[in-house]
Amino acid sequence: MSTATTASVSTHILDTSVGRPAEGVPVTLAARPGAEGEWTALGGSATDADGRCKDLPALPEGTTHVRLDFDTEAYFSKKQAEAQQDAPRVRDSGAFFPEVAITFAVVPGEHYHVPLLLNPFGYSVYRGS
């Protein structure tokens, strides 16, 4: 929960190639104080069956920039293996973008919900509610 001195972050991922939440995507969170500050890794999680990370760590006081890193290669590789089972692999990776890094500015007291719309060859992101 955010207070007047910190911001909070949540995210979820929808796989637009199948019209469903993306389950099991590893997500890591980092923060920094100021544009020139050093990034501090805060921890990570993985998306649940609804494509949500419900246990991202809290942001430290003084955070002005946040980075969410999504391991999309792990997700699409798993999906491709499940779909092909014994069939030969068509390419080395199940995703054109093996990772997605989203960096955004925050202000204290605000909540930032950052959904990722994902498919094997593209993605988009926006500030949700």
C-alpha atoms as a PDB file:
ATOM      1  CA  MET A   1       0.000   0.000   0.000  1.00  0.00           C
ATOM      2  CA  SER A   2       1.394   3.429  -0.833  1.00  0.00           C
ATOM      3  CA  THR A   3       1.890   6.210   1.653  1.00  0.00           C
ATOM      4  CA  ALA A   4       2.582   9.888   1.161  1.00  0.00           C
ATOM      5  CA  THR A   5       6.332   9.117   0.944  1.00  0.00           C
ATOM      6  CA  THR A   6       6.326   6.121  -1.418  1.00  0.00           C
ATOM      7  CA  ALA A   7       4.771   5.007  -4.686  1.00  0.00           C
ATOM      8  CA  SER A   8       3.472   1.502  -5.374  1.00  0.00           C
ATOM      9  CA  VAL A   9       3.540  -0.685  -8.477  1.00  0.00           C
ATOM     10  CA  SER A  10       1.473  -3.552  -9.850  1.00  0.00           C
ATOM     11  CA  THR A  11       1.415  -5.290 -13.217  1.00  0.00           C
ATOM     12  CA  HIS A  12      -0.298  -7.957 -15.224  1.00  0.00           C
ATOM     13  CA  ILE A  13       0.333  -9.552 -18.605  1.00  0.00           C
ATOM     14  CA  LEU A  14      -2.135 -10.520 -21.301  1.00  0.00           C
ATOM     15  CA  ASP A  15      -0.961 -12.772 -24.140  1.00  0.00           C
ATOM     16  CA  THR A  16      -2.787 -11.187 -27.064  1.00  0.00           C
ATOM     17  CA  SER A  17      -1.836 -14.073 -29.368  1.00  0.00           C
ATOM     18  CA  VAL A  18      -4.248 -16.340 -27.474  1.00  0.00           C
ATOM     19  CA  GLY A  19      -6.460 -13.783 -25.738  1.00  0.00           C
ATOM     20  CA  ARG A  20      -5.544 -15.031 -22.258  1.00  0.00           C
ATOM     21  CA  PRO A  21      -3.476 -14.024 -19.234  1.00  0.00           C
ATOM     22  CA  ALA A  22       0.204 -14.980 -19.459  1.00  0.00           C
ATOM     23  CA  GLU A  23       0.926 -17.331 -16.562  1.00  0.00           C
ATOM     24  CA  GLY A  24       4.399 -18.031 -15.217  1.00  0.00           C
ATOM     25  CA  VAL A  25       6.266 -15.017 -16.619  1.00  0.00           C
ATOM     26  CA  PRO A  26       9.200 -14.111 -14.341  1.00  0.00           C
ATOM     27  CA  VAL A  27       9.125 -10.409 -13.413  1.00  0.00           C
ATOM     28  CA  THR A  28      11.798  -8.454 -11.544  1.00  0.00           C
ATOM     29  CA  LEU A  29      11.496  -4.989 -10.025  1.00  0.00           C
ATOM     30  CA  ALA A  30      14.233  -2.391  -9.626  1.00  0.00           C
ATOM     31  CA  ALA A  31      14.163   1.215  -8.404  1.00  0.00           C
ATOM     32  CA  ARG A  32      16.434   4.239  -8.290  1.00  0.00           C
ATOM     33  CA  PRO A  33      16.388   7.640  -6.599  1.00  0.00           C
ATOM     34  CA  GLY A  34      16.713  10.195  -9.389  1.00  0.00           C
ATOM     35  CA  ALA A  35      17.615   9.949 -13.056  1.00  0.00           C
ATOM     36  CA  GLU A  36      21.318   9.599 -12.241  1.00  0.00           C
ATOM     37  CA  GLY A  37      20.855   7.213  -9.304  1.00  0.00           C
ATOM     38  CA  GLU A  38      21.992   3.605  -9.246  1.00  0.00           C
ATOM     39  CA  TRP A  39      19.424   0.873  -9.852  1.00  0.00           C
ATOM     40  CA  THR A  40      18.645  -1.307  -6.839  1.00  0.00           C
ATOM     41  CA  ALA A  41      17.148  -4.722  -7.505  1.00  0.00           C
ATOM     42  CA  LEU A  42      14.189  -5.131  -5.152  1.00  0.00           C
ATOM     43  CA  GLY A  43      13.159  -8.688  -5.986  1.00  0.00           C
ATOM     44  CA  GLY A  44      10.902 -10.559  -8.275  1.00  0.00           C
ATOM     45  CA  SER A  45       7.911 -12.742  -8.759  1.00  0.00           C
ATOM     46  CA  ALA A  46       6.103 -14.603 -11.525  1.00  0.00           C
ATOM     47  CA  THR A  47       2.664 -14.034 -12.943  1.00  0.00           C
ATOM     48  CA  ASP A  48      -0.149 -16.201 -11.620  1.00  0.00           C
ATOM     49  CA  ALA A  49      -2.984 -17.886 -13.559  1.00  0.00           C
ATOM     50  CA  ASP A  50      -4.618 -14.457 -13.992  1.00  0.00           C
ATOM     51  CA  GLY A  51      -1.370 -13.005 -15.390  1.00  0.00           C
ATOM     52  CA  ARG A  52      -0.845 -10.891 -12.251  1.00  0.00           C
ATOM     53  CA  CYS A  53       2.085 -10.408  -9.899  1.00  0.00           C
ATOM     54  CA  LYS A  54       0.458  -9.941  -6.515  1.00  0.00           C
ATOM     55  CA  ASP A  55       3.626  -9.990  -4.435  1.00  0.00           C
ATOM     56  CA  LEU A  56       5.969  -7.397  -5.936  1.00  0.00           C
ATOM     57  CA  PRO A  57       8.127  -5.765  -3.255  1.00  0.00           C
ATOM     58  CA  ALA A  58       7.398  -2.307  -1.890  1.00  0.00           C
ATOM     59  CA  LEU A  59       9.327   0.642  -3.293  1.00  0.00           C
ATOM     60  CA  PRO A  60      11.798   2.360  -0.982  1.00  0.00           C
ATOM     61  CA  GLU A  61      11.262   5.954   0.060  1.00  0.00           C
ATOM     62  CA  GLY A  62      12.862   8.354  -2.417  1.00  0.00           C
ATOM     63  CA  THR A  63      12.160   6.207  -5.497  1.00  0.00           C
ATOM     64  CA  THR A  64      11.680   8.323  -8.621  1.00  0.00           C
ATOM     65  CA  HIS A  65      12.219   5.700 -11.341  1.00  0.00           C
ATOM     66  CA  VAL A  66      11.081   2.090 -11.562  1.00  0.00           C
ATOM     67  CA  ARG A  67      12.030  -0.704 -13.943  1.00  0.00           C
ATOM     68  CA  LEU A  68       9.997  -3.856 -14.537  1.00  0.00           C
ATOM     69  CA  ASP A  69      11.851  -6.637 -16.362  1.00  0.00           C
ATOM     70  CA  PHE A  70       9.742  -9.391 -17.915  1.00  0.00           C
ATOM     71  CA  ASP A  71      11.423 -12.676 -18.960  1.00  0.00           C
ATOM     72  CA  THR A  72       9.295 -13.258 -22.039  1.00  0.00           C
ATOM     73  CA  GLU A  73      11.678 -15.828 -23.510  1.00  0.00           C
ATOM     74  CA  ALA A  74      11.028 -18.231 -20.624  1.00  0.00           C
ATOM     75  CA  TYR A  75       7.275 -17.864 -21.138  1.00  0.00           C
ATOM     76  CA  PHE A  76       7.247 -18.330 -24.923  1.00  0.00           C
ATOM     77  CA  SER A  77       9.813 -21.154 -24.834  1.00  0.00           C
ATOM     78  CA  LYS A  78       7.575 -23.036 -22.425  1.00  0.00           C
ATOM     79  CA  LYS A  79       4.496 -22.346 -24.575  1.00  0.00           C
ATOM     80  CA  GLN A  80       6.314 -23.480 -27.703  1.00  0.00           C
ATOM     81  CA  ALA A  81       7.531 -26.683 -26.025  1.00  0.00           C
ATOM     82  CA  GLU A  82       4.004 -27.470 -24.842  1.00  0.00           C
ATOM     83  CA  ALA A  83       2.531 -26.812 -28.284  1.00  0.00           C
ATOM     84  CA  GLN A  84       5.114 -28.782 -30.238  1.00  0.00           C
ATOM     85  CA  GLN A  85       5.723 -31.563 -27.699  1.00  0.00           C
ATOM     86  CA  ASP A  86       7.691 -34.051 -29.833  1.00  0.00           C
ATOM     87  CA  ALA A  87       7.827 -31.926 -32.985  1.00  0.00           C
ATOM     88  CA  PRO A  88      11.180 -30.372 -33.935  1.00  0.00           C
ATOM     89  CA  ARG A  89      11.704 -26.777 -32.906  1.00  0.00           C
ATOM     90  CA  VAL A  90      11.287 -24.220 -35.654  1.00  0.00           C
ATOM     91  CA  ARG A  91      13.545 -21.583 -34.093  1.00  0.00           C
ATOM     92  CA  ASP A  92      15.786 -21.227 -31.055  1.00  0.00           C
ATOM     93  CA  SER A  93      13.497 -18.910 -29.133  1.00  0.00           C
ATOM     94  CA  GLY A  94       9.747 -18.720 -28.839  1.00  0.00           C
ATOM     95  CA  ALA A  95       9.850 -14.917 -28.801  1.00  0.00           C
ATOM     96  CA  PHE A  96      11.387 -12.236 -30.963  1.00  0.00           C
ATOM     97  CA  PHE A  97      11.833 -10.132 -27.811  1.00  0.00           C
ATOM     98  CA  PRO A  98      13.454 -12.395 -25.187  1.00  0.00           C
ATOM     99  CA  GLU A  99      12.883  -9.771 -22.530  1.00  0.00           C
ATOM    100  CA  VAL A 100      10.863  -6.631 -22.060  1.00  0.00           C
ATOM    101  CA  ALA A 101      12.186  -3.859 -19.808  1.00  0.00           C
ATOM    102  CA  ILE A 102       9.808  -1.046 -18.924  1.00  0.00           C
ATOM    103  CA  THR A 103      11.204   2.020 -17.144  1.00  0.00           C
ATOM    104  CA  PHE A 104       8.921   4.754 -15.842  1.00  0.00           C
ATOM    105  CA  ALA A 105       8.918   7.724 -13.476  1.00  0.00           C
ATOM    106  CA  VAL A 106       6.909   7.715 -10.239  1.00  0.00           C
ATOM    107  CA  VAL A 107       5.909  10.248  -7.608  1.00  0.00           C
ATOM    108  CA  PRO A 108       5.263   9.559  -3.924  1.00  0.00           C
ATOM    109  CA  GLY A 109       1.736   8.629  -2.924  1.00  0.00           C
ATOM    110  CA  GLU A 110       0.697   7.392  -6.387  1.00  0.00           C
ATOM    111  CA  HIS A 111      -0.089   3.846  -7.473  1.00  0.00           C
ATOM    112  CA  TYR A 112       1.165   2.706 -10.871  1.00  0.00           C
ATOM    113  CA  HIS A 113      -0.492  -0.256 -12.568  1.00  0.00           C
ATOM    114  CA  VAL A 114       1.525  -1.145 -15.666  1.00  0.00           C
ATOM    115  CA  PRO A 115      -0.112  -3.819 -17.871  1.00  0.00           C
ATOM    116  CA  LEU A 116       1.894  -5.541 -20.599  1.00  0.00           C
ATOM    117  CA  LEU A 117       0.089  -6.711 -23.746  1.00  0.00           C
ATOM    118  CA  LEU A 118       2.303  -9.399 -25.230  1.00  0.00           C
ATOM    119  CA  ASN A 119       2.576 -11.612 -28.307  1.00  0.00           C
ATOM    120  CA  PRO A 120       5.563 -13.467 -29.792  1.00  0.00           C
ATOM    121  CA  PHE A 121       6.513 -10.593 -32.103  1.00  0.00           C
ATOM    122  CA  GLY A 122       5.454  -7.455 -30.272  1.00  0.00           C
ATOM    123  CA  TYR A 123       4.257  -5.825 -27.102  1.00  0.00           C
ATOM    124  CA  SER A 124       2.695  -2.661 -25.780  1.00  0.00           C
ATOM    125  CA  VAL A 125       2.467  -1.205 -22.331  1.00  0.00           C
ATOM    126  CA  TYR A 126       0.451   1.553 -20.720  1.00  0.00           C
ATOM    127  CA  ARG A 127      -0.372   3.088 -17.358  1.00  0.00           C
ATOM    128  CA  GLY A 128      -3.530   1.396 -16.205  1.00  0.00           C
ATOM    129  CA  SER A 129      -5.709   1.973 -13.188  1.00  0.00           C
END
